[in-house]
Protein backbone atom coordinates (compact mmCIF):
# COMPACT_ATOMS: atom_id res chain seq x y z
CA MET A 1 -0.37 0.01 0.30
CA ALA A 2 1.44 3.64 -0.84
CA HIS A 3 2.47 5.73 1.95
CA ALA A 4 1.55 9.22 2.34
CA VAL A 5 3.65 11.94 0.53
CA PRO A 6 6.54 13.37 2.30
CA LEU A 7 6.32 16.92 3.01
CA ARG A 8 9.49 19.07 3.35
CA GLY A 9 10.26 22.03 5.14
CA PRO A 10 12.87 24.86 4.68
CA ALA A 11 15.89 22.56 6.39
CA GLU A 12 14.88 19.48 3.65
CA LEU A 13 14.25 21.50 0.78
CA ALA A 14 17.72 22.70 1.40
CA GLN A 15 19.40 19.37 1.27
CA ALA A 16 17.63 18.33 -1.64
CA ARG A 17 17.95 21.37 -3.38
CA ARG A 18 21.52 20.44 -3.15
CA ALA A 19 21.84 17.17 -4.55
CA ALA A 20 19.65 18.30 -7.40
CA GLN A 21 22.36 20.95 -7.94
CA LEU A 22 24.79 18.34 -8.16
CA ALA A 23 22.90 16.45 -10.54
CA ALA A 24 22.39 18.79 -12.83
CA GLU A 25 26.02 20.34 -12.71
CA VAL A 26 27.28 16.62 -13.88
CA LEU A 27 25.17 17.19 -17.13
CA HIS A 28 26.89 20.54 -17.43
CA ILE A 29 30.55 19.11 -17.08
CA VAL A 30 29.79 16.03 -19.30
CA ALA A 31 27.85 18.25 -21.95
CA PRO A 32 31.26 19.03 -24.31
CA HIS A 33 32.22 15.30 -24.53
CA VAL A 34 28.82 14.48 -26.22
CA ARG A 35 30.18 14.33 -30.27
CA PRO A 36 30.79 12.23 -32.92
CA GLY A 37 33.00 9.21 -31.96
CA VAL A 38 32.86 9.17 -28.11
CA SER A 39 31.67 5.94 -26.61
CA THR A 40 28.81 5.83 -23.97
CA ASP A 41 31.20 4.12 -21.76
CA ALA A 42 33.75 6.91 -21.92
CA LEU A 43 30.73 9.55 -20.79
CA ASP A 44 29.88 7.41 -17.86
CA ALA A 45 33.53 7.20 -17.18
CA ILE A 46 33.87 11.44 -16.94
CA CYS A 47 30.51 11.50 -14.87
CA HIS A 48 31.56 9.43 -12.05
CA ASP A 49 35.25 10.56 -11.93
CA HIS A 50 33.18 14.49 -11.49
CA ILE A 51 30.42 12.58 -8.80
CA VAL A 52 33.21 10.70 -6.93
CA ASN A 53 36.33 12.99 -6.99
CA VAL A 54 35.08 16.27 -7.66
CA GLN A 55 31.88 16.26 -5.56
CA ARG A 56 32.41 13.83 -3.12
CA ALA A 57 29.33 12.47 -3.63
CA ILE A 58 27.86 8.80 -4.37
CA PRO A 59 26.47 7.79 -7.88
CA ALA A 60 22.99 6.67 -7.09
CA ASN A 61 22.43 4.20 -10.24
CA LEU A 62 25.45 2.52 -9.64
CA GLY A 63 24.28 -0.83 -8.35
CA TYR A 64 20.57 0.10 -7.91
CA GLN A 65 18.86 -2.58 -8.51
CA GLY A 66 21.96 -4.38 -9.83
CA PHE A 67 22.15 -1.38 -12.65
CA PRO A 68 26.21 -1.59 -13.66
CA LYS A 69 27.14 2.27 -14.58
CA THR A 70 26.89 5.63 -13.00
CA VAL A 71 24.69 7.43 -15.81
CA LEU A 72 21.86 5.90 -18.23
CA THR A 73 22.63 6.59 -22.14
CA SER A 74 19.63 6.33 -24.34
CA VAL A 75 20.16 6.87 -27.74
CA ASN A 76 18.09 7.17 -30.50
CA GLN A 77 15.04 4.64 -30.37
CA VAL A 78 16.26 4.01 -26.64
CA VAL A 79 13.21 4.84 -24.50
CA CYS A 80 15.20 4.75 -20.82
CA HIS A 81 17.50 3.07 -19.10
CA GLY A 82 20.36 2.55 -21.82
CA ILE A 83 23.76 1.10 -20.49
CA PRO A 84 26.74 2.78 -21.00
CA SER A 85 29.31 0.71 -23.47
CA PRO A 86 32.42 1.23 -25.21
CA GLU A 87 31.01 -0.54 -27.97
CA LYS A 88 28.22 1.87 -28.59
CA ILE A 89 29.76 4.51 -29.94
CA LEU A 90 27.83 8.11 -30.92
CA LYS A 91 27.46 8.92 -34.49
CA ASP A 92 26.68 12.33 -36.53
CA GLY A 93 22.87 12.96 -36.22
CA ASP A 94 22.13 10.56 -33.40
CA ILE A 95 20.20 12.34 -29.88
CA VAL A 96 20.85 10.80 -26.95
CA ASN A 97 19.66 11.07 -23.18
CA ILE A 98 21.84 11.35 -20.14
CA ASP A 99 19.88 10.43 -17.05
CA VAL A 100 21.88 11.07 -14.14
CA ALA A 101 21.58 10.74 -9.98
CA VAL A 102 23.79 11.50 -7.21
CA GLN A 103 23.19 10.88 -3.04
CA HIS A 104 24.37 13.86 -1.07
CA GLU A 105 24.35 13.45 2.56
CA GLY A 106 21.75 10.83 2.13
CA TRP A 107 19.95 12.74 -0.13
CA PHE A 108 18.97 12.34 -3.56
CA GLY A 109 19.08 14.39 -7.01
CA ASP A 110 17.79 12.98 -10.14
CA THR A 111 17.78 14.77 -13.50
CA SER A 112 18.09 14.21 -17.60
CA ARG A 113 17.93 15.92 -20.51
CA MET A 114 18.60 15.56 -24.30
CA PHE A 115 21.71 16.04 -26.09
CA PHE A 116 22.59 16.45 -30.18
CA VAL A 117 25.45 14.34 -31.73
CA GLY A 118 26.56 16.50 -34.35
CA LYS A 119 23.22 17.55 -36.85
CA PRO A 120 20.22 15.40 -36.23
CA GLY A 121 17.82 15.51 -38.76
CA VAL A 122 14.34 17.74 -38.67
CA LEU A 123 12.23 14.36 -37.19
CA ALA A 124 14.58 14.25 -34.00
CA ARG A 125 14.94 18.11 -33.12
CA ARG A 126 11.30 18.49 -33.47
CA LEU A 127 10.76 15.47 -31.23
CA VAL A 128 13.21 16.74 -28.85
CA ARG A 129 11.84 19.91 -28.47
CA ALA A 130 8.29 19.01 -28.58
CA THR A 131 9.47 16.67 -25.49
CA TYR A 132 11.23 19.72 -23.44
CA ASP A 133 8.31 21.69 -23.78
CA ALA A 134 5.72 18.60 -22.67
CA MET A 135 7.84 18.72 -19.48
CA ALA A 136 8.00 22.65 -19.00
CA ALA A 137 4.07 22.46 -19.79
CA GLY A 138 3.59 19.91 -17.30
CA ILE A 139 5.91 21.62 -14.70
CA ARG A 140 4.20 24.67 -15.16
CA GLN A 141 0.80 23.17 -13.60
CA VAL A 142 2.32 22.76 -10.25
CA ARG A 143 1.28 24.74 -7.87
CA PRO A 144 -0.88 24.18 -4.37
CA ASP A 145 -4.08 22.82 -4.87
CA ALA A 146 -3.67 21.58 -8.58
CA THR A 147 -3.63 17.81 -9.21
CA LEU A 148 -1.17 15.34 -10.57
CA GLY A 149 -3.95 14.99 -13.66
CA ASP A 150 -3.35 18.50 -14.52
CA VAL A 151 0.10 17.72 -14.73
CA GLY A 152 -0.04 14.59 -16.99
CA HIS A 153 -2.64 16.55 -18.98
CA ALA A 154 -0.44 19.36 -19.93
CA ILE A 155 2.10 17.12 -21.24
CA GLN A 156 -0.14 14.80 -22.93
CA ALA A 157 -1.95 18.27 -25.15
CA VAL A 158 1.75 19.05 -26.43
CA ALA A 159 2.49 15.95 -27.27
CA GLN A 160 -0.71 15.42 -29.32
CA ARG A 161 -0.54 18.93 -30.93
CA GLU A 162 2.83 18.12 -31.78
CA GLY A 163 1.72 14.11 -33.60
CA PHE A 164 4.06 12.35 -30.62
CA SER A 165 3.12 9.66 -28.41
CA VAL A 166 3.75 9.33 -24.71
CA VAL A 167 5.22 6.58 -23.01
CA ARG A 168 2.71 5.09 -20.27
CA ASP A 169 5.07 2.55 -19.11
CA TYR A 170 7.11 4.66 -16.97
CA CYS A 171 6.40 7.88 -15.00
CA GLY A 172 8.30 10.58 -12.85
CA HIS A 173 8.21 9.76 -9.07
CA GLY A 174 8.38 11.23 -5.48
CA ILE A 175 12.39 11.56 -4.63
CA GLY A 176 14.01 12.68 -1.34
CA GLN A 177 15.98 10.55 1.04
CA ILE A 178 14.27 7.91 -1.02
CA TYR A 179 15.53 7.46 -4.61
CA HIS A 180 11.82 6.38 -5.98
CA ASP A 181 9.29 7.68 -3.60
CA GLU A 182 5.74 8.59 -3.46
CA PRO A 183 3.96 10.03 -5.84
CA GLN A 184 3.80 8.12 -9.08
CA VAL A 185 3.80 11.18 -11.43
CA LEU A 186 1.89 9.94 -14.79
CA HIS A 187 2.73 12.06 -17.98
CA PHE A 188 -0.92 11.93 -19.13
CA GLY A 189 -4.24 12.31 -17.57
CA ARG A 190 -7.23 14.31 -17.10
CA ARG A 191 -7.37 17.74 -15.23
CA GLY A 192 -8.72 17.69 -11.79
CA GLU A 193 -8.13 14.30 -11.36
CA GLY A 194 -5.24 12.60 -8.94
CA LEU A 195 -3.61 13.76 -6.05
CA LYS A 196 -3.72 17.22 -4.80
CA LEU A 197 -0.22 19.03 -4.73
CA GLU A 198 0.31 20.75 -1.30
CA PRO A 199 3.50 22.86 -0.62
CA GLY A 200 6.94 20.76 0.32
CA MET A 201 5.94 17.92 -1.81
CA VAL A 202 8.93 16.91 -4.26
CA PHE A 203 9.00 15.04 -7.34
CA THR A 204 10.20 14.74 -11.00
CA ILE A 205 8.50 15.46 -13.83
CA GLU A 206 10.50 12.99 -16.76
CA PRO A 207 8.03 13.07 -19.92
CA MET A 208 9.27 10.55 -22.78
CA LEU A 209 7.86 10.76 -26.10
CA ASN A 210 8.21 9.07 -29.21
CA ALA A 211 7.90 9.71 -32.78
CA GLY A 212 6.05 6.70 -33.35
CA ARG A 213 3.80 4.56 -31.23
CA ARG A 214 3.79 4.87 -27.39
CA GLU A 215 4.66 0.91 -27.23
CA THR A 216 7.69 -0.21 -25.59
CA ARG A 217 9.73 -3.23 -24.89
CA GLU A 218 12.66 -4.25 -22.64
CA LEU A 219 15.67 -5.99 -24.29
CA ALA A 220 17.43 -8.75 -23.11
CA ASP A 221 19.96 -7.09 -20.82
CA GLY A 222 16.70 -6.37 -18.37
CA TRP A 223 17.55 -2.85 -18.44
CA THR A 224 17.00 -1.25 -22.02
CA VAL A 225 13.85 -0.01 -23.30
CA VAL A 226 13.28 0.81 -26.69
CA THR A 227 10.50 2.15 -29.00
CA ARG A 228 8.68 -1.17 -30.19
CA ASP A 229 8.44 0.16 -33.72
CA ARG A 230 12.10 1.53 -33.50
CA SER A 231 10.92 5.29 -33.83
CA LEU A 232 13.12 7.61 -32.06
CA SER A 233 12.37 8.51 -28.41
CA ALA A 234 13.10 11.40 -26.04
CA GLN A 235 13.00 12.63 -22.60
CA TRP A 236 13.77 15.51 -20.11
CA GLU A 237 13.94 15.27 -16.65
CA HIS A 238 13.87 17.95 -13.60
CA MET A 239 13.01 17.57 -10.06
CA VAL A 240 10.55 20.00 -8.46
CA ALA A 241 9.26 21.49 -5.42
CA VAL A 242 5.72 22.41 -4.78
CA THR A 243 5.94 26.23 -3.21
CA ASP A 244 3.19 27.96 -1.70
CA GLN A 245 3.87 30.12 -5.00
CA GLY A 246 3.87 27.53 -7.28
CA PHE A 247 6.81 25.82 -7.75
CA GLU A 248 10.63 25.50 -8.06
CA VAL A 249 12.76 23.82 -10.41
CA LEU A 250 15.67 22.16 -7.95
CA THR A 251 17.81 21.10 -10.73
CA ALA A 252 18.33 23.95 -12.89
CA TRP A 253 20.86 24.10 -15.25
CA PRO A 254 24.11 26.10 -14.23
CA GLU A 255 24.16 27.07 -18.06
CA GLY A 256 20.55 28.11 -18.24
CA THR A 257 18.41 26.97 -20.72
CA GLY A 258 20.05 28.13 -24.10
CA GLU A 259 17.63 27.96 -26.77
CA TYR A 260 15.39 26.39 -24.45
CA ALA A 261 12.14 28.68 -22.92
CA PRO A 262 12.88 28.87 -19.59
CA ILE A 263 10.51 27.42 -17.59
């Protein structure tokens, strides 16, 4: 049976914010290395070194339920949970999601973002931007007395407007001193339905959009999830806190949003 969603006070939010900022920093430092000819394993090593030797934090994914690496690298048709490998060499035109989680002083930070490798095609770029816009639309719904249904509906509306599908097999989650906690945050839904939001709640919003159909399948490695129709997939993820006034994005990028609209 699901337990109550924790409500964080200012001191706890400060700890969650610090862990979240460390996770965002990892994506910032690995960004210049995402280019054609680089293996996903090399990207993993860069992230691991920064978390352990610079941040003095713990790579939360490493060993989590048996996962063998520090980050998850999901390229092109991989929806999520891609395992970094020395054999997986990025090539011009690829799109890749890098998902990082750190544990710092008992608190978890979790975030992911898309990267372009060289110059992807028009569809790939449109999918990546639409997925970001969908995440942003969901985040903008976060405020006291809104519902998780409002969040999911906003995400789904953007996906449908752009002609893409929302993956329903995976969702966002509460996070704090537990990596995956209550509530479950679906990326589809109906306005006014689901959990009513309260100040102090902290969770991730991390929609996955497919260029084709929404169905997925897990590969034999027990981790990698791909689109069943082999279409492209994209994902973005932020950690969000519900505040008295609305929301705070805890995993804000150190370099800002660049070409993407601020949330």
